[in-house]
Protein backbone atom coordinates (compact mmCIF):
# COMPACT_ATOMS: atom_id res chain seq x y z
CA MET A 1 0.15 -7.43 8.07
CA SER A 2 1.60 -9.12 11.02
CA GLU A 3 -1.87 -9.17 12.66
CA ALA A 4 -3.38 -10.93 9.61
CA ILE A 5 -0.61 -13.51 9.63
CA GLU A 6 -0.92 -14.18 13.45
CA ARG A 7 -4.66 -14.20 13.53
CA SER A 8 -5.01 -16.64 10.39
CA ASN A 9 -2.94 -19.25 12.22
CA GLY A 10 -0.42 -19.26 9.43
CA ASN A 11 -2.99 -19.73 6.72
CA ILE A 12 -1.93 -16.27 5.37
CA ASN A 13 1.87 -15.71 4.79
CA PHE A 14 3.76 -13.12 2.65
CA PRO A 15 7.57 -12.91 2.30
CA PHE A 16 9.24 -9.67 3.25
CA CYS A 17 12.52 -7.90 3.16
CA LYS A 18 14.04 -5.76 6.03
CA GLN A 19 14.66 -2.05 5.88
CA GLU A 20 17.25 -0.56 8.31
CA GLY A 21 15.98 2.70 9.37
CA PHE A 22 17.14 5.60 11.51
CA VAL A 23 18.75 4.64 14.96
CA TRP A 24 17.12 1.27 16.03
CA PHE A 25 14.11 1.14 13.62
CA THR A 26 13.85 -1.87 11.38
CA ASN A 27 10.85 -2.30 9.20
CA ARG A 28 9.32 -5.27 7.29
CA ILE A 29 8.61 -4.37 3.66
CA TYR A 30 5.88 -6.50 2.08
CA GLY A 31 4.76 -6.69 -1.49
CA ASN A 32 7.76 -7.61 -3.48
CA GLU A 33 6.83 -11.32 -3.83
CA LYS A 34 3.69 -13.43 -3.95
CA GLY A 35 2.38 -15.02 -0.84
CA LYS A 36 -0.17 -17.62 0.27
CA ILE A 37 -3.78 -17.05 1.43
CA PHE A 38 -5.55 -20.31 2.25
CA GLY A 39 -3.78 -22.46 -0.48
CA ASP A 40 -3.80 -19.56 -3.04
CA SER A 41 -0.11 -19.39 -3.58
CA LYS A 42 -0.31 -16.76 -6.34
CA ALA A 43 -1.66 -13.99 -4.13
CA LYS A 44 -0.04 -10.58 -4.15
CA LEU A 45 -0.75 -7.73 -1.94
CA TRP A 46 -2.76 -4.92 -3.67
CA ILE A 47 -2.78 -1.94 -1.35
CA LYS A 48 -4.55 0.89 -3.00
CA LYS A 49 -7.12 3.26 -1.56
CA GLY A 50 -10.65 3.03 -2.91
CA LEU A 51 -10.66 -0.56 -4.04
CA ILE A 52 -13.30 -1.32 -1.50
CA GLN A 53 -15.20 0.60 1.13
CA ILE A 54 -16.02 -0.70 4.61
CA ASP A 55 -18.59 1.05 6.90
CA ASN A 56 -17.16 -0.04 10.23
CA PRO A 57 -14.05 1.69 11.55
CA THR A 58 -13.39 -1.05 14.13
CA VAL A 59 -12.40 -3.49 11.40
CA ASN A 60 -9.01 -3.26 9.60
CA TYR A 61 -8.61 -4.75 6.12
CA LEU A 62 -6.05 -5.76 3.57
CA THR A 63 -6.53 -6.52 -0.12
CA ALA A 64 -4.79 -8.95 -2.33
CA VAL A 65 -5.22 -10.41 -5.77
CA SER A 66 -4.08 -13.56 -7.61
CA ASP A 67 -4.73 -14.79 -11.11
CA LYS A 68 -8.21 -16.23 -9.96
CA TYR A 69 -9.29 -14.35 -6.76
CA PHE A 70 -9.60 -10.87 -5.25
CA TRP A 71 -8.93 -11.21 -1.50
CA VAL A 72 -10.33 -9.21 1.43
CA ILE A 73 -8.76 -9.87 4.71
CA LEU A 74 -10.58 -8.54 7.75
CA SER A 75 -9.20 -8.13 11.32
CA GLY A 76 -11.43 -6.83 14.14
CA GLU A 77 -10.28 -4.40 16.80
CA SER A 78 -13.43 -4.62 18.96
CA LYS A 79 -13.88 -7.03 21.81
CA GLN A 80 -17.29 -7.88 20.55
CA GLU A 81 -18.59 -9.22 17.22
CA GLU A 82 -18.99 -6.53 14.62
CA SER A 83 -21.11 -6.49 11.47
CA LEU A 84 -20.06 -4.51 8.39
CA THR A 85 -20.90 -3.96 4.77
CA ILE A 86 -18.24 -4.23 2.11
CA ARG A 87 -18.79 -2.22 -1.10
CA LEU A 88 -16.78 -3.17 -4.19
CA ASP A 89 -15.81 0.15 -5.74
CA LYS A 90 -12.92 0.14 -8.20
CA VAL A 91 -12.75 -3.55 -8.30
CA ALA A 92 -16.48 -4.10 -9.02
CA GLU A 93 -15.74 -4.91 -12.79
CA LEU A 94 -12.85 -7.05 -11.80
CA VAL A 95 -14.98 -9.49 -9.75
CA GLY A 96 -16.96 -12.11 -11.42
CA GLN A 97 -20.45 -13.48 -10.53
CA GLY A 98 -19.29 -16.83 -8.96
CA ASP A 99 -19.53 -17.80 -5.19
CA ILE A 100 -17.90 -15.56 -2.66
CA VAL A 101 -16.24 -17.85 -0.08
CA GLN A 102 -15.53 -16.69 3.54
CA TYR A 103 -12.76 -18.35 5.46
CA THR A 104 -12.35 -18.51 9.30
CA GLU A 105 -8.84 -18.68 10.97
CA LYS A 106 -9.26 -22.53 11.15
CA GLY A 107 -9.80 -22.84 7.36
CA LYS A 108 -13.62 -23.47 7.62
CA THR A 109 -15.61 -22.05 4.68
CA ALA A 110 -18.99 -20.65 3.97
CA LYS A 111 -20.66 -18.92 0.96
CA VAL A 112 -21.59 -15.28 1.24
CA ASN A 113 -24.36 -13.70 -0.60
CA ARG A 114 -23.84 -10.57 -2.78
CA VAL A 115 -26.37 -7.94 -3.32
CA GLY A 116 -25.28 -5.60 -6.23
CA ASN A 117 -21.77 -4.51 -5.23
CA ALA A 118 -22.23 -5.09 -1.70
CA ILE A 119 -21.93 -7.90 0.81
CA LYS A 120 -22.67 -8.14 4.61
CA VAL A 121 -20.49 -10.06 6.93
CA SER A 122 -19.47 -10.16 10.55
CA VAL A 123 -16.16 -10.45 12.39
CA PRO A 124 -15.84 -12.00 15.84
CA GLY A 125 -14.23 -9.91 18.68
CA LYS A 126 -10.62 -9.47 18.07
CA GLY A 127 -11.16 -11.96 15.31
CA PHE A 128 -10.33 -12.66 11.61
CA ARG A 129 -12.06 -13.40 8.38
CA ALA A 130 -10.91 -13.66 4.76
CA LEU A 131 -13.14 -13.30 1.69
CA ALA A 132 -12.31 -14.73 -1.73
CA PHE A 133 -14.01 -13.04 -4.62
CA PRO A 134 -13.70 -14.91 -8.03
CA LEU A 135 -12.39 -12.82 -10.85
CA ALA A 136 -14.36 -12.26 -14.02
CA GLU A 137 -11.38 -13.51 -16.03
CA THR A 138 -7.92 -14.60 -15.38
CA ARG A 139 -5.68 -11.62 -14.48
CA LYS A 140 -2.35 -11.04 -15.85
CA GLU A 141 0.42 -9.92 -13.45
CA ASN A 142 1.67 -6.25 -13.82
CA ARG A 143 5.30 -5.96 -14.58
CA TYR A 144 6.80 -2.67 -13.36
CA PRO A 145 9.73 -1.11 -15.10
CA VAL A 146 13.18 -0.98 -13.44
CA LEU A 147 13.83 2.25 -11.72
CA LYS A 148 16.65 4.23 -13.20
CA ASN A 149 18.45 7.37 -11.81
CA GLY A 150 16.73 7.14 -8.52
CA ILE A 151 19.25 9.38 -6.71
CA LYS A 152 19.92 12.96 -7.59
CA VAL A 153 22.26 15.42 -5.77
CA VAL A 154 22.13 19.14 -6.68
CA ASP A 155 24.76 21.54 -5.44
CA MET A 156 22.95 24.92 -4.88
CA GLY A 157 26.16 26.72 -3.78
CA GLU A 158 26.61 29.04 -0.80
CA PRO A 159 24.76 29.37 1.52
CA PHE A 160 22.39 26.53 0.45
CA GLY A 161 24.66 23.58 0.08
CA LYS A 162 23.62 20.29 -1.58
CA VAL A 163 20.03 19.01 -1.89
CA PHE A 164 19.56 15.25 -2.00
CA LEU A 165 16.64 13.49 -3.73
CA PHE A 166 15.71 9.84 -3.56
CA ARG A 167 12.98 8.33 -5.80
CA ILE A 168 11.75 5.08 -4.23
CA ARG A 169 9.78 2.54 -6.27
CA SER A 170 7.10 0.71 -4.36
CA PRO A 171 5.73 -2.76 -5.33
CA PHE A 172 2.16 -1.37 -5.53
CA GLY A 173 2.36 0.68 -8.58
CA TRP A 174 3.52 4.26 -7.61
CA ASP A 175 6.75 5.96 -6.58
CA SER A 176 7.66 8.16 -3.45
CA VAL A 177 10.18 10.81 -3.26
CA TYR A 178 12.32 11.66 -0.23
CA GLY A 179 14.50 14.67 0.00
CA PHE A 180 16.60 16.86 2.25
CA ALA A 181 18.97 19.81 2.26
CA GLU A 182 22.25 19.56 4.07
CA THR A 183 22.38 23.11 5.13
CA ALA A 184 21.49 24.41 8.55
CA PRO A 185 18.58 27.00 8.85
CA ALA A 186 19.91 30.56 7.92
CA LYS A 187 18.25 33.69 9.15
CA GLU A 188 16.55 35.81 6.59
CA LYS A 189 17.39 33.43 3.80
CA LYS A 190 14.95 31.50 1.81
CA CYS A 191 14.52 30.24 -1.74
CA ARG A 192 12.05 28.59 -3.96
CA TYR A 193 12.85 26.22 -6.87
CA ARG A 194 11.04 24.19 -9.39
CA TRP A 195 12.84 21.24 -10.84
CA CYS A 196 12.15 18.60 -13.34
CA VAL A 197 15.06 16.31 -12.51
CA MET A 198 13.89 12.80 -11.78
CA ASP A 199 12.86 11.03 -15.00
CA ASN A 200 10.11 13.61 -15.86
CA LEU A 201 8.67 13.48 -12.41
CA VAL A 202 7.78 17.22 -11.69
CA LEU A 203 9.02 18.27 -8.32
CA PHE A 204 8.28 21.54 -6.58
CA LEU A 205 10.79 21.95 -3.72
CA LEU A 206 10.38 24.78 -1.12
CA ILE A 207 13.43 25.37 1.04
CA PRO A 208 12.69 27.85 3.84
CA LEU A 209 16.01 28.63 5.62
CA ASN A 210 14.47 30.48 8.52
CA GLY A 211 14.08 27.68 11.05
CA VAL A 212 11.13 26.02 9.27
CA SER A 213 11.21 22.37 8.10
CA ILE A 214 11.61 21.45 4.41
CA ASN A 215 8.39 21.11 2.53
CA TRP A 216 7.65 18.98 -0.57
CA GLU A 217 5.04 18.80 -3.27
CA TRP A 218 5.07 16.79 -6.47
CA THR A 219 2.76 15.66 -9.28
CA LYS A 220 2.27 11.97 -9.59
CA LYS A 221 3.50 10.37 -12.82
CA PRO A 222 3.38 6.79 -14.23
CA LEU A 223 6.22 4.50 -13.37
CA SER A 224 7.43 4.25 -16.88
CA LYS A 225 8.22 8.06 -17.01
């Protein structure tokens, strides 16, 4: 994100909040609020695997969407100009048939041809490009429900102690779960539990207490559940 902001000469900008992490780590968390991409002030980051496919691993990309455009932001890692093909996969039906506009870091624009669900573009060495795809129809903004009961503490008794679970709501349409047990590893002690404790999010928690790290598995559920 920082690379896109820097290489666009300020033509891309998104607000962020800071997350204080362990020891000295401080992270910037993007996605909570709308940002600006070349004058489109209603753009919101849409980070989801499979929206598009790019056939050149030297080019990084971000995706965003507003009420009128689907944005693809490209950032090259190669020292030389790189060509690539962008395929519209999950967003193919979202994008309309209007002109696709390519932006340089200086704000210069050019139209890009589309063949089926694919377009071919190039990115200069260590360079930047942004593509605006017109939407087929005005898009309504998703409103995610407020997260309730995001913290659970389960006292397992001796010798296991307490287990802490944190459900974290992202601005991109899914939740993450973080958990840990307070007990130290115990020799020849292990247990396996299955819980349904976090608003119908089914969790499978495996706590091996023989010097091995805690492992987690869970099935993904809608935010409203």
